[in-house]
Amino acid sequence: MNHSDRFITYQIRVEGLVRQEWFENLRVTPLPEGETLICGLVDQAALHGILTRIRDLGLVLVSIHSFPNEKGIPHV
């Protein structure tokens, strides 16, 4: 399987509060620090689209964490 075809769980943290409708099919969770966590199981193309949307919205990217495995489930 090509790496670009794999679905991986990503947790993306941005500054500020984000509206759920800005990121369809992803879980958007406000955090107490005034940041938002955006999570979802996506492929590389979708990840690039999410990052472009973050840029276009003028959001500050704090971190990105990936949890790659065959099922796209984060390691515990």
PDB file of N, CA and C in Angstrom:
ATOM      1  N   MET A   1       0.846  -1.186   0.000  1.00  0.00           N
ATOM      2  CA  MET A   1       0.000   0.000   0.000  1.00  0.00           C
ATOM      3  C   MET A   1       0.890   1.247   0.000  1.00  0.00           C
ATOM      4  N   ASN A   2       0.581   2.164  -0.839  1.00  0.00           N
ATOM      5  CA  ASN A   2       1.282   3.434  -0.920  1.00  0.00           C
ATOM      6  C   ASN A   2       0.963   4.271   0.316  1.00  0.00           C
ATOM      7  N   HIS A   3       1.961   4.929   0.885  1.00  0.00           N
ATOM      8  CA  HIS A   3       1.745   5.740   2.094  1.00  0.00           C
ATOM      9  C   HIS A   3       0.659   6.789   1.889  1.00  0.00           C
ATOM     10  N   SER A   4       0.571   7.358   0.701  1.00  0.00           N
ATOM     11  CA  SER A   4      -0.427   8.397   0.450  1.00  0.00           C
ATOM     12  C   SER A   4      -1.847   7.844   0.414  1.00  0.00           C
ATOM     13  N   ASP A   5      -1.993   6.521   0.274  1.00  0.00           N
ATOM     14  CA  ASP A   5      -3.308   5.894   0.248  1.00  0.00           C
ATOM     15  C   ASP A   5      -3.784   5.464   1.631  1.00  0.00           C
ATOM     16  N   ARG A   6      -2.915   5.540   2.624  1.00  0.00           N
ATOM     17  CA  ARG A   6      -3.254   5.081   3.972  1.00  0.00           C
ATOM     18  C   ARG A   6      -4.028   6.151   4.725  1.00  0.00           C
ATOM     19  N   PHE A   7      -4.928   5.694   5.550  1.00  0.00           N
ATOM     20  CA  PHE A   7      -5.656   6.586   6.439  1.00  0.00           C
ATOM     21  C   PHE A   7      -4.980   6.558   7.792  1.00  0.00           C
ATOM     22  N   ILE A   8      -4.709   7.726   8.338  1.00  0.00           N
ATOM     23  CA  ILE A   8      -3.996   7.876   9.603  1.00  0.00           C
ATOM     24  C   ILE A   8      -4.799   8.813  10.485  1.00  0.00           C
ATOM     25  N   THR A   9      -4.825   8.531  11.764  1.00  0.00           N
ATOM     26  CA  THR A   9      -5.486   9.427  12.712  1.00  0.00           C
ATOM     27  C   THR A   9      -4.546  10.593  13.009  1.00  0.00           C
ATOM     28  N   TYR A  10      -5.059  11.803  12.854  1.00  0.00           N
ATOM     29  CA  TYR A  10      -4.297  13.015  13.156  1.00  0.00           C
ATOM     30  C   TYR A  10      -4.996  13.808  14.239  1.00  0.00           C
ATOM     31  N   GLN A  11      -4.191  14.400  15.114  1.00  0.00           N
ATOM     32  CA  GLN A  11      -4.679  15.371  16.091  1.00  0.00           C
ATOM     33  C   GLN A  11      -3.963  16.679  15.778  1.00  0.00           C
ATOM     34  N   ILE A  12      -4.739  17.671  15.412  1.00  0.00           N
ATOM     35  CA  ILE A  12      -4.189  18.971  15.012  1.00  0.00           C
ATOM     36  C   ILE A  12      -4.661  20.004  16.027  1.00  0.00           C
ATOM     37  N   ARG A  13      -3.724  20.728  16.593  1.00  0.00           N
ATOM     38  CA  ARG A  13      -4.045  21.722  17.615  1.00  0.00           C
ATOM     39  C   ARG A  13      -3.799  23.112  17.039  1.00  0.00           C
ATOM     40  N   VAL A  14      -4.788  23.992  17.171  1.00  0.00           N
ATOM     41  CA  VAL A  14      -4.663  25.365  16.677  1.00  0.00           C
ATOM     42  C   VAL A  14      -5.026  26.341  17.787  1.00  0.00           C
ATOM     43  N   GLU A  15      -4.520  27.562  17.667  1.00  0.00           N
ATOM     44  CA  GLU A  15      -4.894  28.618  18.610  1.00  0.00           C
ATOM     45  C   GLU A  15      -6.293  29.105  18.292  1.00  0.00           C
ATOM     46  N   GLY A  16      -7.036  29.470  19.326  1.00  0.00           N
ATOM     47  CA  GLY A  16      -8.360  30.036  19.144  1.00  0.00           C
ATOM     48  C   GLY A  16      -9.445  28.973  19.083  1.00  0.00           C
ATOM     49  N   LEU A  17     -10.668  29.465  18.979  1.00  0.00           N
ATOM     50  CA  LEU A  17     -11.826  28.581  18.906  1.00  0.00           C
ATOM     51  C   LEU A  17     -12.249  28.404  17.455  1.00  0.00           C
ATOM     52  N   VAL A  18     -12.610  27.194  17.103  1.00  0.00           N
ATOM     53  CA  VAL A  18     -12.926  26.837  15.725  1.00  0.00           C
ATOM     54  C   VAL A  18     -14.360  26.302  15.676  1.00  0.00           C
ATOM     55  N   ARG A  19     -15.064  26.650  14.656  1.00  0.00           N
ATOM     56  CA  ARG A  19     -16.443  26.171  14.477  1.00  0.00           C
ATOM     57  C   ARG A  19     -16.423  24.792  13.834  1.00  0.00           C
ATOM     58  N   GLN A  20     -17.281  23.904  14.319  1.00  0.00           N
ATOM     59  CA  GLN A  20     -17.353  22.530  13.807  1.00  0.00           C
ATOM     60  C   GLN A  20     -17.586  22.506  12.299  1.00  0.00           C
ATOM     61  N   GLU A  21     -18.451  23.380  11.789  1.00  0.00           N
ATOM     62  CA  GLU A  21     -18.771  23.340  10.355  1.00  0.00           C
ATOM     63  C   GLU A  21     -17.593  23.721   9.457  1.00  0.00           C
ATOM     64  N   TRP A  22     -16.537  24.284  10.027  1.00  0.00           N
ATOM     65  CA  TRP A  22     -15.354  24.600   9.225  1.00  0.00           C
ATOM     66  C   TRP A  22     -14.579  23.343   8.852  1.00  0.00           C
ATOM     67  N   PHE A  23     -14.784  22.268   9.624  1.00  0.00           N
ATOM     68  CA  PHE A  23     -14.032  21.034   9.409  1.00  0.00           C
ATOM     69  C   PHE A  23     -14.990  19.842   9.444  1.00  0.00           C
ATOM     70  N   GLU A  24     -15.761  19.680   8.383  1.00  0.00           N
ATOM     71  CA  GLU A  24     -16.725  18.589   8.294  1.00  0.00           C
ATOM     72  C   GLU A  24     -16.016  17.242   8.408  1.00  0.00           C
ATOM     73  N   ASN A  25     -16.689  16.282   8.996  1.00  0.00           N
ATOM     74  CA  ASN A  25     -16.203  14.907   9.157  1.00  0.00           C
ATOM     75  C   ASN A  25     -15.013  14.783  10.103  1.00  0.00           C
ATOM     76  N   LEU A  26     -14.717  15.834  10.847  1.00  0.00           N
ATOM     77  CA  LEU A  26     -13.657  15.785  11.844  1.00  0.00           C
ATOM     78  C   LEU A  26     -14.250  16.154  13.199  1.00  0.00           C
ATOM     79  N   ARG A  27     -13.625  15.699  14.258  1.00  0.00           N
ATOM     80  CA  ARG A  27     -14.065  16.048  15.603  1.00  0.00           C
ATOM     81  C   ARG A  27     -13.333  17.328  16.018  1.00  0.00           C
ATOM     82  N   VAL A  28     -14.102  18.335  16.398  1.00  0.00           N
ATOM     83  CA  VAL A  28     -13.549  19.629  16.807  1.00  0.00           C
ATOM     84  C   VAL A  28     -13.856  19.804  18.292  1.00  0.00           C
ATOM     85  N   THR A  29     -12.799  19.948  19.105  1.00  0.00           N
ATOM     86  CA  THR A  29     -12.957  20.034  20.554  1.00  0.00           C
ATOM     87  C   THR A  29     -12.267  21.281  21.086  1.00  0.00           C
ATOM     88  N   PRO A  30     -13.032  22.214  21.687  1.00  0.00           N
ATOM     89  CA  PRO A  30     -12.389  23.375  22.317  1.00  0.00           C
ATOM     90  C   PRO A  30     -11.634  22.931  23.564  1.00  0.00           C
ATOM     91  N   LEU A  31     -10.481  23.521  23.784  1.00  0.00           N
ATOM     92  CA  LEU A  31      -9.651  23.202  24.938  1.00  0.00           C
ATOM     93  C   LEU A  31      -9.618  24.387  25.895  1.00  0.00           C
ATOM     94  N   PRO A  32      -9.395  24.139  27.184  1.00  0.00           N
ATOM     95  CA  PRO A  32      -9.427  25.222  28.171  1.00  0.00           C
ATOM     96  C   PRO A  32      -8.354  26.292  27.949  1.00  0.00           C
ATOM     97  N   GLU A  33      -7.286  25.953  27.250  1.00  0.00           N
ATOM     98  CA  GLU A  33      -6.190  26.908  27.031  1.00  0.00           C
ATOM     99  C   GLU A  33      -6.507  27.936  25.954  1.00  0.00           C
ATOM    100  N   GLY A  34      -7.761  27.927  25.432  1.00  0.00           N
ATOM    101  CA  GLY A  34      -8.108  28.832  24.343  1.00  0.00           C
ATOM    102  C   GLY A  34      -7.678  28.293  22.992  1.00  0.00           C
ATOM    103  N   GLU A  35      -7.432  27.005  22.933  1.00  0.00           N
ATOM    104  CA  GLU A  35      -7.046  26.346  21.692  1.00  0.00           C
ATOM    105  C   GLU A  35      -8.148  25.364  21.293  1.00  0.00           C
ATOM    106  N   THR A  36      -8.012  24.805  20.098  1.00  0.00           N
ATOM    107  CA  THR A  36      -8.961  23.813  19.604  1.00  0.00           C
ATOM    108  C   THR A  36      -8.197  22.607  19.096  1.00  0.00           C
ATOM    109  N   LEU A  37      -8.724  21.415  19.386  1.00  0.00           N
ATOM    110  CA  LEU A  37      -8.156  20.173  18.890  1.00  0.00           C
ATOM    111  C   LEU A  37      -9.056  19.662  17.765  1.00  0.00           C
ATOM    112  N   ILE A  38      -8.458  19.411  16.606  1.00  0.00           N
ATOM    113  CA  ILE A  38      -9.171  18.904  15.436  1.00  0.00           C
ATOM    114  C   ILE A  38      -8.644  17.493  15.185  1.00  0.00           C
ATOM    115  N   CYS A  39      -9.526  16.493  15.231  1.00  0.00           N
ATOM    116  CA  CYS A  39      -9.099  15.096  15.122  1.00  0.00           C
ATOM    117  C   CYS A  39      -9.876  14.367  14.043  1.00  0.00           C
ATOM    118  N   GLY A  40      -9.180  13.435  13.393  1.00  0.00           N
ATOM    119  CA  GLY A  40      -9.878  12.610  12.429  1.00  0.00           C
ATOM    120  C   GLY A  40      -8.966  11.619  11.747  1.00  0.00           C
ATOM    121  N   LEU A  41      -9.586  10.655  11.110  1.00  0.00           N
ATOM    122  CA  LEU A  41      -8.911   9.626  10.342  1.00  0.00           C
ATOM    123  C   LEU A  41      -8.952  10.060   8.879  1.00  0.00           C
ATOM    124  N   VAL A  42      -7.793  10.434   8.327  1.00  0.00           N
ATOM    125  CA  VAL A  42      -7.742  10.992   6.971  1.00  0.00           C
ATOM    126  C   VAL A  42      -6.541  10.446   6.209  1.00  0.00           C
ATOM    127  N   ASP A  43      -6.591  10.590   4.888  1.00  0.00           N
ATOM    128  CA  ASP A  43      -5.441  10.247   4.062  1.00  0.00           C
ATOM    129  C   ASP A  43      -4.604  11.505   3.832  1.00  0.00           C
ATOM    130  N   GLN A  44      -3.498  11.371   3.121  1.00  0.00           N
ATOM    131  CA  GLN A  44      -2.586  12.501   2.912  1.00  0.00           C
ATOM    132  C   GLN A  44      -3.245  13.650   2.165  1.00  0.00           C
ATOM    133  N   ALA A  45      -4.052  13.351   1.165  1.00  0.00           N
ATOM    134  CA  ALA A  45      -4.718  14.415   0.407  1.00  0.00           C
ATOM    135  C   ALA A  45      -5.638  15.222   1.315  1.00  0.00           C
ATOM    136  N   ALA A  46      -6.404  14.539   2.151  1.00  0.00           N
ATOM    137  CA  ALA A  46      -7.305  15.234   3.071  1.00  0.00           C
ATOM    138  C   ALA A  46      -6.516  16.043   4.097  1.00  0.00           C
ATOM    139  N   LEU A  47      -5.390  15.509   4.569  1.00  0.00           N
ATOM    140  CA  LEU A  47      -4.554  16.251   5.523  1.00  0.00           C
ATOM    141  C   LEU A  47      -4.079  17.563   4.908  1.00  0.00           C
ATOM    142  N   HIS A  48      -3.644  17.519   3.669  1.00  0.00           N
ATOM    143  CA  HIS A  48      -3.201  18.747   3.005  1.00  0.00           C
ATOM    144  C   HIS A  48      -4.353  19.741   2.856  1.00  0.00           C
ATOM    145  N   GLY A  49      -5.555  19.238   2.588  1.00  0.00           N
ATOM    146  CA  GLY A  49      -6.729  20.104   2.516  1.00  0.00           C
ATOM    147  C   GLY A  49      -7.038  20.755   3.856  1.00  0.00           C
ATOM    148  N   ILE A  50      -6.912  19.996   4.935  1.00  0.00           N
ATOM    149  CA  ILE A  50      -7.142  20.541   6.287  1.00  0.00           C
ATOM    150  C   ILE A  50      -6.122  21.628   6.597  1.00  0.00           C
ATOM    151  N   LEU A  51      -4.865  21.363   6.289  1.00  0.00           N
ATOM    152  CA  LEU A  51      -3.815  22.353   6.559  1.00  0.00           C
ATOM    153  C   LEU A  51      -4.015  23.618   5.723  1.00  0.00           C
ATOM    154  N   THR A  52      -4.475  23.451   4.495  1.00  0.00           N
ATOM    155  CA  THR A  52      -4.775  24.618   3.656  1.00  0.00           C
ATOM    156  C   THR A  52      -5.917  25.421   4.252  1.00  0.00           C
ATOM    157  N   ARG A  53      -6.937  24.741   4.752  1.00  0.00           N
ATOM    158  CA  ARG A  53      -8.070  25.437   5.371  1.00  0.00           C
ATOM    159  C   ARG A  53      -7.612  26.194   6.621  1.00  0.00           C
ATOM    160  N   ILE A  54      -6.757  25.573   7.429  1.00  0.00           N
ATOM    161  CA  ILE A  54      -6.222  26.240   8.621  1.00  0.00           C
ATOM    162  C   ILE A  54      -5.491  27.512   8.211  1.00  0.00           C
ATOM    163  N   ARG A  55      -4.685  27.424   7.171  1.00  0.00           N
ATOM    164  CA  ARG A  55      -3.962  28.597   6.662  1.00  0.00           C
ATOM    165  C   ARG A  55      -4.926  29.659   6.156  1.00  0.00           C
ATOM    166  N   ASP A  56      -5.904  29.244   5.355  1.00  0.00           N
ATOM    167  CA  ASP A  56      -6.849  30.187   4.764  1.00  0.00           C
ATOM    168  C   ASP A  56      -7.700  30.895   5.819  1.00  0.00           C
ATOM    169  N   LEU A  57      -7.972  30.211   6.931  1.00  0.00           N
ATOM    170  CA  LEU A  57      -8.743  30.820   8.022  1.00  0.00           C
ATOM    171  C   LEU A  57      -7.884  31.719   8.912  1.00  0.00           C
ATOM    172  N   GLY A  58      -6.576  31.731   8.657  1.00  0.00           N
ATOM    173  CA  GLY A  58      -5.674  32.569   9.448  1.00  0.00           C
ATOM    174  C   GLY A  58      -5.433  32.021  10.850  1.00  0.00           C
ATOM    175  N   LEU A  59      -5.634  30.710  11.027  1.00  0.00           N
ATOM    176  CA  LEU A  59      -5.419  30.098  12.336  1.00  0.00           C
ATOM    177  C   LEU A  59      -3.937  29.822  12.551  1.00  0.00           C
ATOM    178  N   VAL A  60      -3.516  29.856  13.812  1.00  0.00           N
ATOM    179  CA  VAL A  60      -2.131  29.554  14.154  1.00  0.00           C
ATOM    180  C   VAL A  60      -2.044  28.067  14.491  1.00  0.00           C
ATOM    181  N   LEU A  61      -1.219  27.349  13.754  1.00  0.00           N
ATOM    182  CA  LEU A  61      -1.014  25.926  13.968  1.00  0.00           C
ATOM    183  C   LEU A  61      -0.085  25.736  15.157  1.00  0.00           C
ATOM    184  N   VAL A  62      -0.528  24.984  16.154  1.00  0.00           N
ATOM    185  CA  VAL A  62       0.275  24.738  17.349  1.00  0.00           C
ATOM    186  C   VAL A  62       1.018  23.414  17.224  1.00  0.00           C
ATOM    187  N   SER A  63       0.313  22.343  16.818  1.00  0.00           N
ATOM    188  CA  SER A  63       0.963  21.042  16.692  1.00  0.00           C
ATOM    189  C   SER A  63       0.125  20.101  15.839  1.00  0.00           C
ATOM    190  N   ILE A  64       0.823  19.092  15.307  1.00  0.00           N
ATOM    191  CA  ILE A  64       0.167  18.001  14.596  1.00  0.00           C
ATOM    192  C   ILE A  64       0.787  16.710  15.118  1.00  0.00           C
ATOM    193  N   HIS A  65      -0.073  15.779  15.513  1.00  0.00           N
ATOM    194  CA  HIS A  65       0.391  14.462  15.949  1.00  0.00           C
ATOM    195  C   HIS A  65      -0.315  13.415  15.099  1.00  0.00           C
ATOM    196  N   SER A  66       0.466  12.442  14.634  1.00  0.00           N
ATOM    197  CA  SER A  66      -0.129  11.353  13.868  1.00  0.00           C
ATOM    198  C   SER A  66      -0.021  10.065  14.659  1.00  0.00           C
ATOM    199  N   PHE A  67      -0.988   9.197  14.416  1.00  0.00           N
ATOM    200  CA  PHE A  67      -1.040   7.910  15.086  1.00  0.00           C
ATOM    201  C   PHE A  67      -1.214   6.831  14.021  1.00  0.00           C
ATOM    202  N   PRO A  68      -0.125   6.549  13.255  1.00  0.00           N
ATOM    203  CA  PRO A  68      -0.259   5.601  12.148  1.00  0.00           C
ATOM    204  C   PRO A  68      -0.258   4.151  12.623  1.00  0.00           C
ATOM    205  N   ASN A  69      -1.197   3.421  12.153  1.00  0.00           N
ATOM    206  CA  ASN A  69      -1.201   1.957  12.234  1.00  0.00           C
ATOM    207  C   ASN A  69      -2.224   1.480  11.222  1.00  0.00           C
ATOM    208  N   GLU A  70      -2.361   0.210  11.074  1.00  0.00           N
ATOM    209  CA  GLU A  70      -3.213  -0.317  10.005  1.00  0.00           C
ATOM    210  C   GLU A  70      -4.677   0.076  10.130  1.00  0.00           C
ATOM    211  N   LYS A  71      -5.152   0.254  11.340  1.00  0.00           N
ATOM    212  CA  LYS A  71      -6.555   0.578  11.534  1.00  0.00           C
ATOM    213  C   LYS A  71      -6.795   2.064  11.758  1.00  0.00           C
ATOM    214  N   GLY A  72      -5.716   2.856  11.785  1.00  0.00           N
ATOM    215  CA  GLY A  72      -5.872   4.283  12.008  1.00  0.00           C
ATOM    216  C   GLY A  72      -6.276   4.625  13.426  1.00  0.00           C
ATOM    217  N   ILE A  73      -6.001   3.746  14.373  1.00  0.00           N
ATOM    218  CA  ILE A  73      -6.381   3.972  15.767  1.00  0.00           C
ATOM    219  C   ILE A  73      -5.146   4.446  16.529  1.00  0.00           C
ATOM    220  N   PRO A  74      -5.283   5.484  17.355  1.00  0.00           N
ATOM    221  CA  PRO A  74      -4.122   5.950  18.116  1.00  0.00           C
ATOM    222  C   PRO A  74      -3.570   4.867  19.035  1.00  0.00           C
ATOM    223  N   HIS A  75      -2.242   4.851  19.157  1.00  0.00           N
ATOM    224  CA  HIS A  75      -1.601   3.945  20.093  1.00  0.00           C
ATOM    225  C   HIS A  75      -1.853   4.425  21.506  1.00  0.00           C
ATOM    226  N   VAL A  76      -2.104   3.511  22.412  1.00  0.00           N
ATOM    227  CA  VAL A  76      -2.368   3.894  23.810  1.00  0.00           C
ATOM    228  C   VAL A  76      -1.160   3.586  24.645  1.00  0.00           C
TER     229      VAL A  76
END
